[in-house]
Amino acid sequence: LVGAFGWSNVGRSFDAAKARYESERLFVDAFLARARRRPLLPDTSEQTLSGLYAGFLQDREDLKVEAYALLKRDGGLAAGELGGLSRSRIPTYGGRLLWAPGAGLRMALEAAWQTGERGPDRHRADAQSLRVTWILPSEAGISLGAEWNRASGDEDPTDGRSGSFDNLFPTNHNKYGLMDYHNWSNLREVKLFGSIQVREGLRLEAEVHDFRLDSPTAPWTAAGGALMGRDLTGASGARVGREVDLSISGGFKTRPSVKWLAGVSHYDPGAFAKAVRGPDPSRLAYLQVALAY
C-alpha cells in the first residue's frame, strides 16, 4: 500500500513527518505525508497520506501481528459515476499476520477495508492476500510457495457507488509479476513460485501468475495505476492473462562489491486482454548490475 515505487522512470516523493514509540514488544508509528509535484508528469492537486501503523509481539520470532489505519485525501476533483465533481477521502483499515509454525513453513496474511468517498461517490472496497512459503531442509536453499491475492472491483459503473480497491501509493514491481501489468485493485491472482541456491552467489527463481478481474466491468490497471483497459458491458469476461517470470541473480564480494540480476518474462493474454488490448503476447528480457562501494 505504501512504497517508494523505485522502478518508475520518475519516482514519487513526499514531504513527511513521522513519530515512533518503540518497546521490546511493540512499535507504533504516526505519520503525515504530502505528495510532492512530480517532474515530467501532469501536475496534480494536493494529496496527503496520514495514519497509524502498529506492530505487536516484536520479541517473538514465530509470530508477529501488525495493524494500520491510513487516510488518503486528494484535493483534485474527481468525477462521479452519475455526474458531479468532488474531492476524495478514503480511509483504509487493515492488518497483517506473520506466522512461522516451524518445519520451514512461513505464512503471511493481510486484509484491508476501505470506506469514505471517491469524488461524489460513496466508496466501499476490500482486499486480501495470503502467502505460504516452505523452505526445504537442504543445503541447496530450496523454497517453494503459493500466493493468493484479491482486491475488489466496482460491480456496477452506473450506481453512484465506488467499489474498486484503491492501492494508495504502492511499490508493486515484485508483487504481481515483473512486467508490471497489475496492481492490488480489481484483481484475483494465484501465484506459484520457487527458488534454488545453485551455489554461493548464484540463485535461480521462477514464478507463474494467473490473473483475473474481480469484476469484469471495472478497470484493469497497471502497477502504477495507469489504465490498461475496460469493458463496461462485462462481455469480455474476467480472465486477463498468465505470466511466467524466470530470473537468475548473483554477486561478487569484491571492492566495490557487484550484484547482478538477469531474467526473462512472458505474458499470454486471456480473453479480456485480447478484447481490450489485442491478441499479441508480451515478452521482457533484462539485465541489471549494481555496484556498492
Protein backbone atom coordinates (compact mmCIF):
# COMPACT_ATOMS: atom_id res chain seq x y z
CA LEU A 1 0.00 0.00 0.00
CA VAL A 2 2.92 2.39 0.62
CA GLY A 3 6.26 2.29 -1.16
CA ALA A 4 8.94 4.23 -3.00
CA PHE A 5 7.91 2.96 -6.48
CA GLY A 6 11.58 2.86 -7.37
CA TRP A 7 11.07 1.05 -10.69
CA SER A 8 9.27 4.03 -12.18
CA ASN A 9 11.27 6.27 -14.51
CA VAL A 10 10.06 9.17 -12.34
CA GLY A 11 9.67 8.09 -8.72
CA ARG A 12 7.27 9.71 -6.32
CA SER A 13 8.41 11.89 -3.42
CA PHE A 14 6.84 13.24 -0.24
CA ASP A 15 7.28 15.88 2.40
CA ALA A 16 6.63 13.86 5.53
CA ALA A 17 6.99 13.66 9.29
CA LYS A 18 6.88 10.52 11.42
CA ALA A 19 6.94 9.89 15.18
CA ARG A 20 7.61 6.44 16.67
CA TYR A 21 7.08 4.79 20.04
CA GLU A 22 9.03 1.57 20.44
CA SER A 23 9.48 -1.04 23.16
CA GLU A 24 10.68 -4.64 23.19
CA ARG A 25 7.24 -5.98 22.19
CA LEU A 26 5.57 -3.05 20.44
CA PHE A 27 6.10 -0.21 17.99
CA VAL A 28 3.66 2.47 16.87
CA ASP A 29 4.30 4.90 14.00
CA ALA A 30 2.25 8.06 13.46
CA PHE A 31 2.90 9.93 10.23
CA LEU A 32 1.69 12.65 7.88
CA ALA A 33 2.93 12.89 4.28
CA ARG A 34 2.16 15.28 1.44
CA ALA A 35 2.81 14.10 -2.11
CA ARG A 36 5.11 16.47 -3.98
CA ARG A 37 4.64 17.65 -7.54
CA ARG A 38 6.43 15.23 -9.86
CA PRO A 39 8.53 16.42 -12.84
CA LEU A 40 7.70 15.28 -16.37
CA LEU A 41 4.20 14.25 -15.28
CA PRO A 42 0.94 16.23 -15.25
CA ASP A 43 0.57 18.39 -12.17
CA THR A 44 -1.85 17.05 -9.55
CA SER A 45 -3.68 18.82 -6.78
CA GLU A 46 -2.57 18.23 -3.23
CA GLN A 47 -2.60 14.65 -1.99
CA THR A 48 -1.90 13.67 1.61
CA LEU A 49 -1.50 10.33 3.36
CA SER A 50 -1.66 10.12 7.16
CA GLY A 51 -2.13 7.34 9.63
CA LEU A 52 -1.03 4.96 12.37
CA TYR A 53 0.91 1.72 11.90
CA ALA A 54 1.50 -0.61 14.87
CA GLY A 55 3.44 -3.84 15.31
CA PHE A 56 2.84 -6.29 18.16
CA LEU A 57 4.74 -9.32 19.55
CA GLN A 58 8.01 -7.93 18.21
CA ASP A 59 10.01 -10.01 20.70
CA ARG A 60 8.81 -13.27 19.12
CA GLU A 61 10.36 -14.93 16.08
CA ASP A 62 7.43 -17.23 15.23
CA LEU A 63 4.51 -14.78 15.33
CA LYS A 64 4.05 -11.08 14.61
CA VAL A 65 0.88 -9.01 14.25
CA GLU A 66 0.57 -5.60 12.61
CA ALA A 67 -2.40 -3.21 12.31
CA TYR A 68 -2.84 0.07 10.49
CA ALA A 69 -5.27 2.90 9.87
CA LEU A 70 -4.47 5.14 6.88
CA LEU A 71 -6.23 8.18 5.42
CA LYS A 72 -5.72 9.31 1.83
CA ARG A 73 -7.03 12.75 0.87
CA ASP A 74 -6.98 14.02 -2.71
CA GLY A 75 -7.63 17.69 -3.34
CA GLY A 76 -8.24 17.12 -7.04
CA LEU A 77 -11.82 16.99 -8.28
CA ALA A 78 -12.91 13.50 -9.34
CA ALA A 79 -15.98 12.78 -11.46
CA GLY A 80 -18.75 10.58 -10.08
CA GLU A 81 -20.49 7.75 -11.89
CA LEU A 82 -23.72 9.78 -12.00
CA GLY A 83 -22.01 13.08 -12.72
CA GLY A 84 -20.71 15.82 -10.49
CA LEU A 85 -17.23 16.61 -9.21
CA SER A 86 -15.85 16.36 -5.69
CA ARG A 87 -12.70 15.68 -3.69
CA SER A 88 -11.79 12.19 -2.47
CA ARG A 89 -11.32 10.95 1.08
CA ILE A 90 -10.51 7.24 1.52
CA PRO A 91 -9.73 5.70 4.94
CA THR A 92 -8.05 2.27 4.86
CA TYR A 93 -8.09 -0.13 7.83
CA GLY A 94 -6.14 -3.35 7.83
CA GLY A 95 -3.77 -5.79 9.44
CA ARG A 96 -1.08 -8.39 8.78
CA LEU A 97 -0.28 -11.71 10.44
CA LEU A 98 3.21 -13.20 10.04
CA TRP A 99 3.46 -16.77 11.32
CA ALA A 100 6.33 -19.27 11.28
CA PRO A 101 4.94 -22.50 12.81
CA GLY A 102 8.15 -24.44 12.19
CA ALA A 103 9.39 -27.12 9.76
CA GLY A 104 10.40 -24.37 7.33
CA LEU A 105 6.85 -23.03 6.91
CA ARG A 106 6.18 -19.29 6.68
CA MET A 107 2.79 -17.63 6.29
CA ALA A 108 1.80 -14.01 5.65
CA LEU A 109 -1.87 -12.97 5.74
CA GLU A 110 -3.12 -9.43 5.12
CA ALA A 111 -6.59 -7.91 4.81
CA ALA A 112 -7.72 -4.32 4.30
CA TRP A 113 -11.04 -2.47 4.11
CA GLN A 114 -11.84 0.97 2.71
CA THR A 115 -14.68 3.44 3.27
CA GLY A 116 -15.10 7.16 2.54
CA GLU A 117 -15.75 8.90 -0.77
CA ARG A 118 -14.12 8.75 -4.20
CA GLY A 119 -15.27 12.03 -5.69
CA PRO A 120 -19.03 12.32 -5.12
CA ASP A 121 -19.43 8.51 -4.96
CA ARG A 122 -19.62 6.54 -1.73
CA HIS A 123 -16.58 4.23 -1.55
CA ARG A 124 -16.62 0.69 -0.11
CA ALA A 125 -13.86 -1.78 -1.03
CA ASP A 126 -11.73 -4.59 0.41
CA ALA A 127 -8.62 -6.64 -0.36
CA GLN A 128 -6.91 -9.79 0.92
CA SER A 129 -3.57 -11.54 0.44
CA LEU A 130 -2.28 -14.94 1.60
CA ARG A 131 1.26 -16.20 1.03
CA VAL A 132 2.63 -19.58 2.16
CA THR A 133 6.31 -20.48 1.75
CA TRP A 134 8.06 -23.79 2.52
CA ILE A 135 11.83 -23.71 2.91
CA LEU A 136 13.08 -27.26 2.41
CA PRO A 137 15.66 -28.64 4.87
CA SER A 138 18.50 -28.90 2.35
CA GLU A 139 21.84 -27.25 1.65
CA ALA A 140 20.55 -26.13 -1.75
CA GLY A 141 18.37 -23.46 -0.15
CA ILE A 142 15.24 -24.62 -1.98
CA SER A 143 12.00 -22.78 -1.28
CA LEU A 144 8.54 -23.37 -2.74
CA GLY A 145 5.39 -21.38 -2.25
CA ALA A 146 1.95 -20.25 -3.32
CA GLU A 147 0.19 -16.91 -3.05
CA TRP A 148 -3.40 -15.75 -3.48
CA ASN A 149 -4.33 -12.09 -3.91
CA ARG A 150 -7.73 -10.48 -4.28
CA ALA A 151 -8.88 -6.86 -4.42
CA SER A 152 -12.45 -5.80 -5.09
CA GLY A 153 -13.60 -4.24 -8.35
CA ASP A 154 -16.58 -1.97 -8.91
CA GLU A 155 -19.54 -4.17 -9.87
CA ASP A 156 -21.83 -1.52 -11.36
CA PRO A 157 -20.40 1.55 -13.17
CA THR A 158 -23.77 3.35 -13.08
CA ASP A 159 -24.97 3.10 -9.46
CA GLY A 160 -23.06 6.05 -7.98
CA ARG A 161 -21.03 3.80 -5.65
CA SER A 162 -17.29 3.16 -5.90
CA GLY A 163 -16.13 -0.42 -5.31
CA SER A 164 -12.62 -0.75 -6.79
CA PHE A 165 -9.95 -1.01 -4.09
CA ASP A 166 -7.55 1.96 -4.02
CA ASN A 167 -3.94 0.71 -3.97
CA LEU A 168 -2.80 4.05 -2.40
CA PHE A 169 0.95 4.71 -3.06
CA PRO A 170 2.46 1.24 -3.60
CA THR A 171 5.61 -0.43 -4.84
CA ASN A 172 4.13 -3.24 -6.95
CA HIS A 173 7.07 -4.27 -9.12
CA ASN A 174 7.82 -7.56 -7.33
CA LYS A 175 4.26 -8.26 -6.16
CA TYR A 176 2.12 -9.11 -9.21
CA GLY A 177 4.53 -10.14 -11.94
CA LEU A 178 7.70 -8.41 -13.09
CA MET A 179 6.04 -6.97 -16.21
CA ASP A 180 4.07 -4.53 -14.02
CA TYR A 181 0.70 -5.13 -15.71
CA HIS A 182 -1.29 -5.43 -12.45
CA ASN A 183 -1.79 -3.85 -9.04
CA TRP A 184 -3.86 -4.58 -5.91
CA SER A 185 -7.16 -3.37 -7.43
CA ASN A 186 -9.91 -5.31 -9.24
CA LEU A 187 -7.68 -8.38 -9.08
CA ARG A 188 -7.83 -12.10 -8.48
CA GLU A 189 -4.40 -13.71 -8.72
CA VAL A 190 -2.93 -17.11 -8.00
CA LYS A 191 0.86 -17.38 -7.99
CA LEU A 192 3.20 -20.36 -7.69
CA PHE A 193 6.88 -19.69 -7.06
CA GLY A 194 10.14 -21.40 -6.22
CA SER A 195 13.86 -20.73 -5.93
CA ILE A 196 17.10 -22.66 -5.51
CA GLN A 197 20.59 -21.66 -4.46
CA VAL A 198 22.68 -23.25 -7.21
CA ARG A 199 25.89 -22.31 -5.42
CA GLU A 200 27.16 -19.48 -3.26
CA GLY A 201 26.38 -16.23 -5.02
CA LEU A 202 24.05 -17.75 -7.64
CA ARG A 203 20.28 -18.15 -7.24
CA LEU A 204 17.54 -19.20 -9.67
CA GLU A 205 13.91 -18.11 -9.24
CA ALA A 206 10.70 -18.89 -11.10
CA GLU A 207 7.13 -17.58 -10.80
CA VAL A 208 3.86 -18.42 -12.58
CA HIS A 209 0.93 -15.99 -12.26
CA ASP A 210 -2.71 -16.38 -13.30
CA PHE A 211 -4.59 -13.06 -13.44
CA ARG A 212 -8.33 -12.44 -13.47
CA LEU A 213 -10.54 -9.45 -12.77
CA ASP A 214 -12.65 -9.39 -9.63
CA SER A 215 -15.33 -7.55 -11.63
CA PRO A 216 -15.46 -7.77 -15.48
CA THR A 217 -16.96 -4.25 -15.72
CA ALA A 218 -14.30 -2.49 -13.61
CA PRO A 219 -10.97 -1.14 -14.94
CA TRP A 220 -7.81 -3.23 -15.35
CA THR A 221 -4.95 -1.08 -14.05
CA ALA A 222 -1.16 -1.48 -14.16
CA ALA A 223 1.37 -1.42 -11.31
CA GLY A 224 1.44 2.38 -11.19
CA GLY A 225 -2.32 2.76 -11.56
CA ALA A 226 -2.42 3.52 -15.30
CA LEU A 227 -5.50 2.26 -17.16
CA MET A 228 -4.77 -0.89 -19.17
CA GLY A 229 -8.32 -1.44 -20.42
CA ARG A 230 -12.00 -1.66 -19.54
CA ASP A 231 -15.20 -3.22 -20.89
CA LEU A 232 -18.23 -1.55 -19.32
CA THR A 233 -20.51 -4.31 -20.66
CA GLY A 234 -18.57 -7.15 -18.98
CA ALA A 235 -18.88 -9.17 -22.20
CA SER A 236 -15.10 -9.75 -22.45
CA GLY A 237 -15.07 -11.89 -19.32
CA ALA A 238 -12.71 -11.76 -16.36
CA ARG A 239 -9.61 -13.70 -17.48
CA VAL A 240 -6.79 -11.25 -18.15
CA GLY A 241 -3.77 -13.47 -18.71
CA ARG A 242 -0.91 -15.60 -17.45
CA GLU A 243 2.67 -14.53 -16.79
CA VAL A 244 5.84 -16.58 -16.34
CA ASP A 245 8.94 -14.97 -14.79
CA LEU A 246 12.40 -16.60 -14.71
CA SER A 247 15.39 -14.87 -13.15
CA ILE A 248 18.94 -15.52 -12.03
CA SER A 249 20.87 -13.38 -9.57
CA GLY A 250 24.31 -13.34 -8.06
CA GLY A 251 27.16 -11.23 -6.85
CA PHE A 252 30.86 -10.91 -6.18
CA LYS A 253 32.33 -9.92 -2.82
CA THR A 254 34.89 -7.62 -4.32
CA ARG A 255 35.66 -3.96 -3.70
CA PRO A 256 33.45 -2.46 -4.97
CA SER A 257 31.01 -5.34 -4.49
CA VAL A 258 28.97 -6.32 -7.54
CA LYS A 259 25.39 -7.58 -7.61
CA TRP A 260 23.61 -8.57 -10.78
CA LEU A 261 20.16 -9.72 -11.85
CA ALA A 262 19.00 -11.08 -15.21
CA GLY A 263 15.78 -12.62 -16.38
CA VAL A 264 13.04 -13.14 -18.93
CA SER A 265 9.26 -12.83 -18.66
CA HIS A 266 6.40 -13.89 -20.92
CA TYR A 267 2.76 -12.77 -20.73
CA ASP A 268 -0.03 -14.64 -22.55
CA PRO A 269 -3.22 -12.54 -22.82
CA GLY A 270 -6.56 -14.03 -21.83
CA ALA A 271 -9.97 -13.24 -23.31
CA PHE A 272 -10.29 -9.87 -21.56
CA ALA A 273 -6.80 -8.65 -22.52
CA LYS A 274 -7.30 -9.79 -26.12
CA ALA A 275 -10.54 -7.81 -26.32
CA VAL A 276 -9.21 -4.54 -24.88
CA ARG A 277 -5.54 -4.60 -25.99
CA GLY A 278 -5.18 -7.19 -28.76
CA PRO A 279 -4.02 -10.82 -29.03
CA ASP A 280 -0.22 -10.34 -29.08
CA PRO A 281 1.77 -11.75 -26.12
CA SER A 282 4.33 -9.62 -24.25
CA ARG A 283 7.99 -10.52 -23.69
CA LEU A 284 10.60 -8.93 -21.47
CA ALA A 285 14.34 -9.53 -21.08
CA TYR A 286 16.55 -7.56 -18.71
CA LEU A 287 19.98 -7.32 -17.11
CA GLN A 288 20.75 -5.20 -14.06
CA VAL A 289 24.16 -4.59 -12.47
CA ALA A 290 24.68 -2.72 -9.18
CA LEU A 291 27.98 -1.56 -7.66
CA ALA A 292 28.32 -0.86 -3.94
CA TYR A 293 31.39 0.95 -2.62
